[in-house]
Amino acid sequence: MPRRQGTESMAISMSTSVLALSGAGWGLLGGLLLTSAVIMVSVHQDLGLRVWIGAVLGFFMAIAFGISALVTAIRANLRGGAAICAVVLCCELLLILRWSLRRTSA
């Protein structure tokens, strides 16, 4: 059977912008924020176990998911979602600063 050309032979990939524009805004936004929160809990655990490399990687991952959620909310025109994401990002940054300052003072 000959291989068909066109859209059927292309790999399927979804980016956050495609999902945001297709109307999956609130569900995707909630998933991204939940993932960010779970990573922050993992970072807190890594700091307790003194696994600094894991904590630093977790910090960057949590911030990346928070920024992705904010961009998704803005592109999906979810004003309340963008405000929630901004507050979550600020809280994450404050927690990171608090945990890093506690680490340096101890």
PDB file of N, CA and C in Angstrom:
ATOM      1  N   MET A   1       0.841  -1.176   0.000  1.00  0.00           N
ATOM      2  CA  MET A   1       0.000   0.000   0.000  1.00  0.00           C
ATOM      3  C   MET A   1       0.889   1.244   0.000  1.00  0.00           C
ATOM      4  N   PRO A   2       0.685   2.171  -0.900  1.00  0.00           N
ATOM      5  CA  PRO A   2       1.537   3.360  -0.972  1.00  0.00           C
ATOM      6  C   PRO A   2       1.289   4.282   0.221  1.00  0.00           C
ATOM      7  N   ARG A   3       2.334   4.943   0.604  1.00  0.00           N
ATOM      8  CA  ARG A   3       2.233   5.883   1.722  1.00  0.00           C
ATOM      9  C   ARG A   3       1.547   7.156   1.249  1.00  0.00           C
ATOM     10  N   ARG A   4       0.563   7.597   2.030  1.00  0.00           N
ATOM     11  CA  ARG A   4      -0.193   8.786   1.642  1.00  0.00           C
ATOM     12  C   ARG A   4       0.521  10.036   2.103  1.00  0.00           C
ATOM     13  N   GLN A   5       0.450  11.037   1.299  1.00  0.00           N
ATOM     14  CA  GLN A   5       1.063  12.314   1.613  1.00  0.00           C
ATOM     15  C   GLN A   5      -0.002  13.254   2.165  1.00  0.00           C
ATOM     16  N   GLY A   6       0.431  14.241   2.872  1.00  0.00           N
ATOM     17  CA  GLY A   6      -0.497  15.252   3.365  1.00  0.00           C
ATOM     18  C   GLY A   6      -0.584  15.239   4.876  1.00  0.00           C
ATOM     19  N   THR A   7      -1.755  15.622   5.367  1.00  0.00           N
ATOM     20  CA  THR A   7      -1.903  15.770   6.810  1.00  0.00           C
ATOM     21  C   THR A   7      -1.916  14.446   7.545  1.00  0.00           C
ATOM     22  N   GLU A   8      -2.257  13.349   6.881  1.00  0.00           N
ATOM     23  CA  GLU A   8      -2.310  12.072   7.569  1.00  0.00           C
ATOM     24  C   GLU A   8      -0.928  11.529   7.885  1.00  0.00           C
ATOM     25  N   SER A   9       0.091  11.941   7.170  1.00  0.00           N
ATOM     26  CA  SER A   9       1.437  11.448   7.416  1.00  0.00           C
ATOM     27  C   SER A   9       2.221  12.346   8.369  1.00  0.00           C
ATOM     28  N   MET A  10       1.644  13.456   8.783  1.00  0.00           N
ATOM     29  CA  MET A  10       2.339  14.367   9.674  1.00  0.00           C
ATOM     30  C   MET A  10       2.194  13.919  11.113  1.00  0.00           C
ATOM     31  N   ALA A  11       3.209  14.164  11.899  1.00  0.00           N
ATOM     32  CA  ALA A  11       3.147  13.856  13.323  1.00  0.00           C
ATOM     33  C   ALA A  11       2.201  14.834  14.012  1.00  0.00           C
ATOM     34  N   ILE A  12       1.483  14.319  14.973  1.00  0.00           N
ATOM     35  CA  ILE A  12       0.530  15.153  15.700  1.00  0.00           C
ATOM     36  C   ILE A  12       1.237  15.737  16.912  1.00  0.00           C
ATOM     37  N   SER A  13       1.172  17.032  17.053  1.00  0.00           N
ATOM     38  CA  SER A  13       1.752  17.680  18.227  1.00  0.00           C
ATOM     39  C   SER A  13       0.826  18.810  18.654  1.00  0.00           C
ATOM     40  N   MET A  14       0.730  18.979  19.957  1.00  0.00           N
ATOM     41  CA  MET A  14      -0.100  20.060  20.492  1.00  0.00           C
ATOM     42  C   MET A  14       0.777  20.968  21.331  1.00  0.00           C
ATOM     43  N   SER A  15       0.672  22.218  21.103  1.00  0.00           N
ATOM     44  CA  SER A  15       1.357  23.179  21.957  1.00  0.00           C
ATOM     45  C   SER A  15       0.307  23.896  22.787  1.00  0.00           C
ATOM     46  N   THR A  16       0.763  24.615  23.790  1.00  0.00           N
ATOM     47  CA  THR A  16      -0.191  25.311  24.651  1.00  0.00           C
ATOM     48  C   THR A  16      -0.964  26.369  23.888  1.00  0.00           C
ATOM     49  N   SER A  17      -0.338  26.964  22.885  1.00  0.00           N
ATOM     50  CA  SER A  17      -1.056  27.987  22.130  1.00  0.00           C
ATOM     51  C   SER A  17      -2.193  27.382  21.314  1.00  0.00           C
ATOM     52  N   VAL A  18      -1.979  26.190  20.752  1.00  0.00           N
ATOM     53  CA  VAL A  18      -3.043  25.531  19.991  1.00  0.00           C
ATOM     54  C   VAL A  18      -4.188  25.150  20.925  1.00  0.00           C
ATOM     55  N   LEU A  19      -3.864  24.615  22.087  1.00  0.00           N
ATOM     56  CA  LEU A  19      -4.909  24.238  23.036  1.00  0.00           C
ATOM     57  C   LEU A  19      -5.651  25.465  23.575  1.00  0.00           C
ATOM     58  N   ALA A  20      -4.913  26.529  23.817  1.00  0.00           N
ATOM     59  CA  ALA A  20      -5.552  27.734  24.333  1.00  0.00           C
ATOM     60  C   ALA A  20      -6.506  28.331  23.311  1.00  0.00           C
ATOM     61  N   LEU A  21      -6.107  28.324  22.055  1.00  0.00           N
ATOM     62  CA  LEU A  21      -6.953  28.903  21.021  1.00  0.00           C
ATOM     63  C   LEU A  21      -8.127  28.000  20.670  1.00  0.00           C
ATOM     64  N   SER A  22      -8.031  26.711  21.011  1.00  0.00           N
ATOM     65  CA  SER A  22      -9.120  25.797  20.668  1.00  0.00           C
ATOM     66  C   SER A  22     -10.185  25.720  21.744  1.00  0.00           C
ATOM     67  N   GLY A  23     -10.045  26.429  22.833  1.00  0.00           N
ATOM     68  CA  GLY A  23     -11.082  26.467  23.848  1.00  0.00           C
ATOM     69  C   GLY A  23     -10.847  25.576  25.048  1.00  0.00           C
ATOM     70  N   ALA A  24      -9.674  25.020  25.186  1.00  0.00           N
ATOM     71  CA  ALA A  24      -9.378  24.165  26.336  1.00  0.00           C
ATOM     72  C   ALA A  24      -8.734  24.976  27.447  1.00  0.00           C
ATOM     73  N   GLY A  25      -9.086  26.239  27.540  1.00  0.00           N
ATOM     74  CA  GLY A  25      -8.412  27.176  28.424  1.00  0.00           C
ATOM     75  C   GLY A  25      -8.411  26.822  29.888  1.00  0.00           C
ATOM     76  N   TRP A  26      -9.584  26.719  30.515  1.00  0.00           N
ATOM     77  CA  TRP A  26      -9.642  26.527  31.965  1.00  0.00           C
ATOM     78  C   TRP A  26      -9.099  25.172  32.384  1.00  0.00           C
ATOM     79  N   GLY A  27      -9.396  24.137  31.614  1.00  0.00           N
ATOM     80  CA  GLY A  27      -8.880  22.813  31.961  1.00  0.00           C
ATOM     81  C   GLY A  27      -7.365  22.753  31.879  1.00  0.00           C
ATOM     82  N   LEU A  28      -6.807  23.301  30.810  1.00  0.00           N
ATOM     83  CA  LEU A  28      -5.363  23.337  30.644  1.00  0.00           C
ATOM     84  C   LEU A  28      -4.722  24.224  31.706  1.00  0.00           C
ATOM     85  N   LEU A  29      -5.340  25.341  31.991  1.00  0.00           N
ATOM     86  CA  LEU A  29      -4.824  26.257  32.992  1.00  0.00           C
ATOM     87  C   LEU A  29      -4.775  25.593  34.363  1.00  0.00           C
ATOM     88  N   GLY A  30      -5.835  24.900  34.720  1.00  0.00           N
ATOM     89  CA  GLY A  30      -5.866  24.188  36.002  1.00  0.00           C
ATOM     90  C   GLY A  30      -4.806  23.106  36.073  1.00  0.00           C
ATOM     91  N   GLY A  31      -4.614  22.390  34.978  1.00  0.00           N
ATOM     92  CA  GLY A  31      -3.596  21.347  34.947  1.00  0.00           C
ATOM     93  C   GLY A  31      -2.195  21.904  35.102  1.00  0.00           C
ATOM     94  N   LEU A  32      -1.914  23.016  34.440  1.00  0.00           N
ATOM     95  CA  LEU A  32      -0.595  23.630  34.547  1.00  0.00           C
ATOM     96  C   LEU A  32      -0.334  24.152  35.952  1.00  0.00           C
ATOM     97  N   LEU A  33      -1.335  24.765  36.559  1.00  0.00           N
ATOM     98  CA  LEU A  33      -1.166  25.281  37.923  1.00  0.00           C
ATOM     99  C   LEU A  33      -1.035  24.149  38.934  1.00  0.00           C
ATOM    100  N   LEU A  34      -1.782  23.069  38.729  1.00  0.00           N
ATOM    101  CA  LEU A  34      -1.669  21.914  39.613  1.00  0.00           C
ATOM    102  C   LEU A  34      -0.277  21.292  39.502  1.00  0.00           C
ATOM    103  N   THR A  35       0.224  21.181  38.298  1.00  0.00           N
ATOM    104  CA  THR A  35       1.572  20.644  38.092  1.00  0.00           C
ATOM    105  C   THR A  35       2.610  21.524  38.777  1.00  0.00           C
ATOM    106  N   SER A  36       2.450  22.815  38.649  1.00  0.00           N
ATOM    107  CA  SER A  36       3.377  23.741  39.284  1.00  0.00           C
ATOM    108  C   SER A  36       3.343  23.581  40.807  1.00  0.00           C
ATOM    109  N   ALA A  37       2.154  23.413  41.372  1.00  0.00           N
ATOM    110  CA  ALA A  37       2.032  23.246  42.829  1.00  0.00           C
ATOM    111  C   ALA A  37       2.655  21.932  43.289  1.00  0.00           C
ATOM    112  N   VAL A  38       2.452  20.869  42.537  1.00  0.00           N
ATOM    113  CA  VAL A  38       3.038  19.574  42.898  1.00  0.00           C
ATOM    114  C   VAL A  38       4.562  19.648  42.850  1.00  0.00           C
ATOM    115  N   ILE A  39       5.098  20.349  41.863  1.00  0.00           N
ATOM    116  CA  ILE A  39       6.550  20.500  41.775  1.00  0.00           C
ATOM    117  C   ILE A  39       7.072  21.311  42.956  1.00  0.00           C
ATOM    118  N   MET A  40       6.341  22.332  43.386  1.00  0.00           N
ATOM    119  CA  MET A  40       6.776  23.113  44.545  1.00  0.00           C
ATOM    120  C   MET A  40       6.788  22.262  45.815  1.00  0.00           C
ATOM    121  N   VAL A  41       5.836  21.358  45.964  1.00  0.00           N
ATOM    122  CA  VAL A  41       5.840  20.441  47.110  1.00  0.00           C
ATOM    123  C   VAL A  41       7.067  19.533  47.033  1.00  0.00           C
ATOM    124  N   SER A  42       7.396  19.084  45.834  1.00  0.00           N
ATOM    125  CA  SER A  42       8.586  18.255  45.646  1.00  0.00           C
ATOM    126  C   SER A  42       9.856  19.034  45.979  1.00  0.00           C
ATOM    127  N   VAL A  43       9.899  20.295  45.611  1.00  0.00           N
ATOM    128  CA  VAL A  43      11.052  21.141  45.928  1.00  0.00           C
ATOM    129  C   VAL A  43      11.201  21.274  47.435  1.00  0.00           C
ATOM    130  N   HIS A  44      10.092  21.478  48.123  1.00  0.00           N
ATOM    131  CA  HIS A  44      10.141  21.592  49.579  1.00  0.00           C
ATOM    132  C   HIS A  44      10.696  20.313  50.199  1.00  0.00           C
ATOM    133  N   GLN A  45      10.297  19.176  49.661  1.00  0.00           N
ATOM    134  CA  GLN A  45      10.810  17.901  50.142  1.00  0.00           C
ATOM    135  C   GLN A  45      12.307  17.768  49.830  1.00  0.00           C
ATOM    136  N   ASP A  46      12.718  18.175  48.640  1.00  0.00           N
ATOM    137  CA  ASP A  46      14.140  18.114  48.279  1.00  0.00           C
ATOM    138  C   ASP A  46      14.978  18.996  49.192  1.00  0.00           C
ATOM    139  N   LEU A  47      14.468  20.166  49.547  1.00  0.00           N
ATOM    140  CA  LEU A  47      15.202  21.043  50.449  1.00  0.00           C
ATOM    141  C   LEU A  47      15.327  20.414  51.832  1.00  0.00           C
ATOM    142  N   GLY A  48      14.283  19.727  52.276  1.00  0.00           N
ATOM    143  CA  GLY A  48      14.354  19.045  53.568  1.00  0.00           C
ATOM    144  C   GLY A  48      15.366  17.919  53.573  1.00  0.00           C
ATOM    145  N   LEU A  49      15.517  17.270  52.430  1.00  0.00           N
ATOM    146  CA  LEU A  49      16.486  16.180  52.310  1.00  0.00           C
ATOM    147  C   LEU A  49      17.870  16.669  51.900  1.00  0.00           C
ATOM    148  N   ARG A  50      18.013  17.975  51.707  1.00  0.00           N
ATOM    149  CA  ARG A  50      19.257  18.618  51.293  1.00  0.00           C
ATOM    150  C   ARG A  50      19.755  18.123  49.929  1.00  0.00           C
ATOM    151  N   VAL A  51      18.809  17.959  49.009  1.00  0.00           N
ATOM    152  CA  VAL A  51      19.143  17.608  47.621  1.00  0.00           C
ATOM    153  C   VAL A  51      19.047  18.901  46.815  1.00  0.00           C
ATOM    154  N   TRP A  52      20.160  19.642  46.797  1.00  0.00           N
ATOM    155  CA  TRP A  52      20.116  20.991  46.234  1.00  0.00           C
ATOM    156  C   TRP A  52      19.910  20.997  44.727  1.00  0.00           C
ATOM    157  N   ILE A  53      20.512  20.049  44.024  1.00  0.00           N
ATOM    158  CA  ILE A  53      20.364  20.019  42.562  1.00  0.00           C
ATOM    159  C   ILE A  53      18.908  19.773  42.183  1.00  0.00           C
ATOM    160  N   GLY A  54      18.259  18.845  42.868  1.00  0.00           N
ATOM    161  CA  GLY A  54      16.839  18.571  42.606  1.00  0.00           C
ATOM    162  C   GLY A  54      15.965  19.765  42.922  1.00  0.00           C
ATOM    163  N   ALA A  55      16.314  20.486  44.000  1.00  0.00           N
ATOM    164  CA  ALA A  55      15.531  21.665  44.376  1.00  0.00           C
ATOM    165  C   ALA A  55      15.652  22.769  43.338  1.00  0.00           C
ATOM    166  N   VAL A  56      16.865  23.006  42.856  1.00  0.00           N
ATOM    167  CA  VAL A  56      17.069  24.056  41.853  1.00  0.00           C
ATOM    168  C   VAL A  56      16.343  23.704  40.559  1.00  0.00           C
ATOM    169  N   LEU A  57      16.454  22.451  40.144  1.00  0.00           N
ATOM    170  CA  LEU A  57      15.740  22.014  38.938  1.00  0.00           C
ATOM    171  C   LEU A  57      14.228  22.169  39.129  1.00  0.00           C
ATOM    172  N   GLY A  58      13.737  21.816  40.306  1.00  0.00           N
ATOM    173  CA  GLY A  58      12.312  21.966  40.594  1.00  0.00           C
ATOM    174  C   GLY A  58      11.865  23.413  40.572  1.00  0.00           C
ATOM    175  N   PHE A  59      12.707  24.314  41.101  1.00  0.00           N
ATOM    176  CA  PHE A  59      12.378  25.738  41.055  1.00  0.00           C
ATOM    177  C   PHE A  59      12.151  26.187  39.616  1.00  0.00           C
ATOM    178  N   PHE A  60      13.085  25.837  38.743  1.00  0.00           N
ATOM    179  CA  PHE A  60      12.956  26.256  37.354  1.00  0.00           C
ATOM    180  C   PHE A  60      11.747  25.619  36.673  1.00  0.00           C
ATOM    181  N   MET A  61      11.478  24.373  36.990  1.00  0.00           N
ATOM    182  CA  MET A  61      10.317  23.704  36.385  1.00  0.00           C
ATOM    183  C   MET A  61       9.011  24.337  36.864  1.00  0.00           C
ATOM    184  N   ALA A  62       8.908  24.638  38.155  1.00  0.00           N
ATOM    185  CA  ALA A  62       7.688  25.245  38.682  1.00  0.00           C
ATOM    186  C   ALA A  62       7.450  26.619  38.058  1.00  0.00           C
ATOM    187  N   ILE A  63       8.502  27.411  37.939  1.00  0.00           N
ATOM    188  CA  ILE A  63       8.370  28.732  37.320  1.00  0.00           C
ATOM    189  C   ILE A  63       7.987  28.586  35.850  1.00  0.00           C
ATOM    190  N   ALA A  64       8.563  27.613  35.157  1.00  0.00           N
ATOM    191  CA  ALA A  64       8.229  27.404  33.744  1.00  0.00           C
ATOM    192  C   ALA A  64       6.761  27.027  33.570  1.00  0.00           C
ATOM    193  N   PHE A  65       6.248  26.154  34.433  1.00  0.00           N
ATOM    194  CA  PHE A  65       4.832  25.797  34.344  1.00  0.00           C
ATOM    195  C   PHE A  65       3.942  26.984  34.704  1.00  0.00           C
ATOM    196  N   GLY A  66       4.357  27.797  35.667  1.00  0.00           N
ATOM    197  CA  GLY A  66       3.586  28.984  36.014  1.00  0.00           C
ATOM    198  C   GLY A  66       3.534  29.992  34.880  1.00  0.00           C
ATOM    199  N   ILE A  67       4.673  30.206  34.229  1.00  0.00           N
ATOM    200  CA  ILE A  67       4.711  31.123  33.087  1.00  0.00           C
ATOM    201  C   ILE A  67       3.887  30.567  31.932  1.00  0.00           C
ATOM    202  N   SER A  68       3.965  29.268  31.716  1.00  0.00           N
ATOM    203  CA  SER A  68       3.168  28.644  30.661  1.00  0.00           C
ATOM    204  C   SER A  68       1.673  28.815  30.932  1.00  0.00           C
ATOM    205  N   ALA A  69       1.276  28.674  32.193  1.00  0.00           N
ATOM    206  CA  ALA A  69      -0.132  28.882  32.550  1.00  0.00           C
ATOM    207  C   ALA A  69      -0.543  30.334  32.308  1.00  0.00           C
ATOM    208  N   LEU A  70       0.320  31.270  32.650  1.00  0.00           N
ATOM    209  CA  LEU A  70       0.014  32.685  32.436  1.00  0.00           C
ATOM    210  C   LEU A  70      -0.129  32.998  30.946  1.00  0.00           C
ATOM    211  N   VAL A  71       0.775  32.482  30.137  1.00  0.00           N
ATOM    212  CA  VAL A  71       0.696  32.703  28.685  1.00  0.00           C
ATOM    213  C   VAL A  71      -0.573  32.072  28.119  1.00  0.00           C
ATOM    214  N   THR A  72      -0.909  30.883  28.606  1.00  0.00           N
ATOM    215  CA  THR A  72      -2.130  30.217  28.149  1.00  0.00           C
ATOM    216  C   THR A  72      -3.364  31.032  28.500  1.00  0.00           C
ATOM    217  N   ALA A  73      -3.401  31.571  29.710  1.00  0.00           N
ATOM    218  CA  ALA A  73      -4.542  32.382  30.124  1.00  0.00           C
ATOM    219  C   ALA A  73      -4.661  33.651  29.287  1.00  0.00           C
ATOM    220  N   ILE A  74      -3.542  34.254  28.982  1.00  0.00           N
ATOM    221  CA  ILE A  74      -3.566  35.486  28.176  1.00  0.00           C
ATOM    222  C   ILE A  74      -4.022  35.182  26.753  1.00  0.00           C
ATOM    223  N   ARG A  75      -3.498  34.101  26.172  1.00  0.00           N
ATOM    224  CA  ARG A  75      -3.876  33.765  24.795  1.00  0.00           C
ATOM    225  C   ARG A  75      -5.321  33.308  24.684  1.00  0.00           C
ATOM    226  N   ALA A  76      -5.838  32.661  25.743  1.00  0.00           N
ATOM    227  CA  ALA A  76      -7.230  32.211  25.724  1.00  0.00           C
ATOM    228  C   ALA A  76      -8.184  33.314  26.155  1.00  0.00           C
ATOM    229  N   ASN A  77      -7.638  34.498  26.458  1.00  0.00           N
ATOM    230  CA  ASN A  77      -8.419  35.662  26.867  1.00  0.00           C
ATOM    231  C   ASN A  77      -9.221  35.374  28.143  1.00  0.00           C
ATOM    232  N   LEU A  78      -8.585  34.706  29.087  1.00  0.00           N
ATOM    233  CA  LEU A  78      -9.186  34.432  30.395  1.00  0.00           C
ATOM    234  C   LEU A  78      -8.611  35.426  31.394  1.00  0.00           C
ATOM    235  N   ARG A  79      -9.305  36.541  31.568  1.00  0.00           N
ATOM    236  CA  ARG A  79      -8.776  37.596  32.425  1.00  0.00           C
ATOM    237  C   ARG A  79      -8.636  37.135  33.877  1.00  0.00           C
ATOM    238  N   GLY A  80      -9.631  36.425  34.372  1.00  0.00           N
ATOM    239  CA  GLY A  80      -9.542  35.901  35.731  1.00  0.00           C
ATOM    240  C   GLY A  80      -8.429  34.880  35.864  1.00  0.00           C
ATOM    241  N   GLY A  81      -8.240  34.083  34.826  1.00  0.00           N
ATOM    242  CA  GLY A  81      -7.168  33.100  34.831  1.00  0.00           C
ATOM    243  C   GLY A  81      -5.801  33.752  34.835  1.00  0.00           C
ATOM    244  N   ALA A  82      -5.661  34.827  34.092  1.00  0.00           N
ATOM    245  CA  ALA A  82      -4.381  35.539  34.072  1.00  0.00           C
ATOM    246  C   ALA A  82      -4.076  36.138  35.446  1.00  0.00           C
ATOM    247  N   ALA A  83      -5.097  36.653  36.112  1.00  0.00           N
ATOM    248  CA  ALA A  83      -4.891  37.213  37.451  1.00  0.00           C
ATOM    249  C   ALA A  83      -4.501  36.112  38.441  1.00  0.00           C
ATOM    250  N   ILE A  84      -5.166  34.971  38.352  1.00  0.00           N
ATOM    251  CA  ILE A  84      -4.838  33.843  39.229  1.00  0.00           C
ATOM    252  C   ILE A  84      -3.408  33.382  38.982  1.00  0.00           C
ATOM    253  N   CYS A  85      -3.027  33.284  37.726  1.00  0.00           N
ATOM    254  CA  CYS A  85      -1.667  32.847  37.388  1.00  0.00           C
ATOM    255  C   CYS A  85      -0.622  33.833  37.881  1.00  0.00           C
ATOM    256  N   ALA A  86      -0.909  35.115  37.777  1.00  0.00           N
ATOM    257  CA  ALA A  86       0.028  36.123  38.260  1.00  0.00           C
ATOM    258  C   ALA A  86       0.215  36.014  39.771  1.00  0.00           C
ATOM    259  N   VAL A  87      -0.882  35.790  40.496  1.00  0.00           N
ATOM    260  CA  VAL A  87      -0.795  35.630  41.950  1.00  0.00           C
ATOM    261  C   VAL A  87      -0.011  34.365  42.300  1.00  0.00           C
ATOM    262  N   VAL A  88      -0.279  33.281  41.591  1.00  0.00           N
ATOM    263  CA  VAL A  88       0.443  32.027  41.845  1.00  0.00           C
ATOM    264  C   VAL A  88       1.936  32.200  41.568  1.00  0.00           C
ATOM    265  N   LEU A  89       2.283  32.870  40.480  1.00  0.00           N
ATOM    266  CA  LEU A  89       3.697  33.106  40.173  1.00  0.00           C
ATOM    267  C   LEU A  89       4.378  33.939  41.253  1.00  0.00           C
ATOM    268  N   CYS A  90       3.692  34.966  41.739  1.00  0.00           N
ATOM    269  CA  CYS A  90       4.267  35.790  42.810  1.00  0.00           C
ATOM    270  C   CYS A  90       4.461  34.972  44.080  1.00  0.00           C
ATOM    271  N   CYS A  91       3.488  34.130  44.409  1.00  0.00           N
ATOM    272  CA  CYS A  91       3.615  33.277  45.596  1.00  0.00           C
ATOM    273  C   CYS A  91       4.759  32.283  45.444  1.00  0.00           C
ATOM    274  N   GLU A  92       4.920  31.726  44.257  1.00  0.00           N
ATOM    275  CA  GLU A  92       6.026  30.801  44.023  1.00  0.00           C
ATOM    276  C   GLU A  92       7.365  31.510  44.182  1.00  0.00           C
ATOM    277  N   LEU A  93       7.471  32.703  43.641  1.00  0.00           N
ATOM    278  CA  LEU A  93       8.727  33.447  43.761  1.00  0.00           C
ATOM    279  C   LEU A  93       9.016  33.814  45.210  1.00  0.00           C
ATOM    280  N   LEU A  94       7.983  34.189  45.965  1.00  0.00           N
ATOM    281  CA  LEU A  94       8.181  34.491  47.385  1.00  0.00           C
ATOM    282  C   LEU A  94       8.617  33.252  48.162  1.00  0.00           C
ATOM    283  N   LEU A  95       8.020  32.106  47.856  1.00  0.00           N
ATOM    284  CA  LEU A  95       8.441  30.861  48.514  1.00  0.00           C
ATOM    285  C   LEU A  95       9.886  30.507  48.176  1.00  0.00           C
ATOM    286  N   ILE A  96      10.249  30.682  46.917  1.00  0.00           N
ATOM    287  CA  ILE A  96      11.626  30.389  46.511  1.00  0.00           C
ATOM    288  C   ILE A  96      12.599  31.303  47.253  1.00  0.00           C
ATOM    289  N   LEU A  97      12.285  32.585  47.323  1.00  0.00           N
ATOM    290  CA  LEU A  97      13.152  33.520  48.055  1.00  0.00           C
ATOM    291  C   LEU A  97      13.224  33.169  49.534  1.00  0.00           C
ATOM    292  N   ARG A  98      12.095  32.841  50.120  1.00  0.00           N
ATOM    293  CA  ARG A  98      12.062  32.485  51.549  1.00  0.00           C
ATOM    294  C   ARG A  98      12.902  31.240  51.809  1.00  0.00           C
ATOM    295  N   TRP A  99      12.720  30.211  50.974  1.00  0.00           N
ATOM    296  CA  TRP A  99      13.467  28.965  51.175  1.00  0.00           C
ATOM    297  C   TRP A  99      14.957  29.175  50.929  1.00  0.00           C
ATOM    298  N   SER A 100      15.308  29.968  49.942  1.00  0.00           N
ATOM    299  CA  SER A 100      16.738  30.187  49.680  1.00  0.00           C
ATOM    300  C   SER A 100      17.382  31.035  50.778  1.00  0.00           C
ATOM    301  N   LEU A 101      16.661  32.008  51.299  1.00  0.00           N
ATOM    302  CA  LEU A 101      17.200  32.818  52.398  1.00  0.00           C
ATOM    303  C   LEU A 101      17.345  31.991  53.675  1.00  0.00           C
ATOM    304  N   ARG A 102      16.400  31.094  53.903  1.00  0.00           N
ATOM    305  CA  ARG A 102      16.491  30.231  55.070  1.00  0.00           C
ATOM    306  C   ARG A 102      17.702  29.308  54.940  1.00  0.00           C
ATOM    307  N   ARG A 103      17.961  28.859  53.734  1.00  0.00           N
ATOM    308  CA  ARG A 103      19.091  27.952  53.488  1.00  0.00           C
ATOM    309  C   ARG A 103      20.416  28.674  53.744  1.00  0.00           C
ATOM    310  N   THR A 104      20.526  29.929  53.298  1.00  0.00           N
ATOM    311  CA  THR A 104      21.788  30.662  53.460  1.00  0.00           C
ATOM    312  C   THR A 104      22.001  31.092  54.903  1.00  0.00           C
ATOM    313  N   SER A 105      20.925  31.323  55.646  1.00  0.00           N
ATOM    314  CA  SER A 105      21.086  31.776  57.035  1.00  0.00           C
ATOM    315  C   SER A 105      21.338  30.608  57.985  1.00  0.00           C
ATOM    316  N   ALA A 106      20.988  29.390  57.566  1.00  0.00           N
ATOM    317  CA  ALA A 106      21.163  28.230  58.459  1.00  0.00           C
ATOM    318  C   ALA A 106      22.551  27.650  58.399  1.00  0.00           C
TER     319      ALA A 106
END
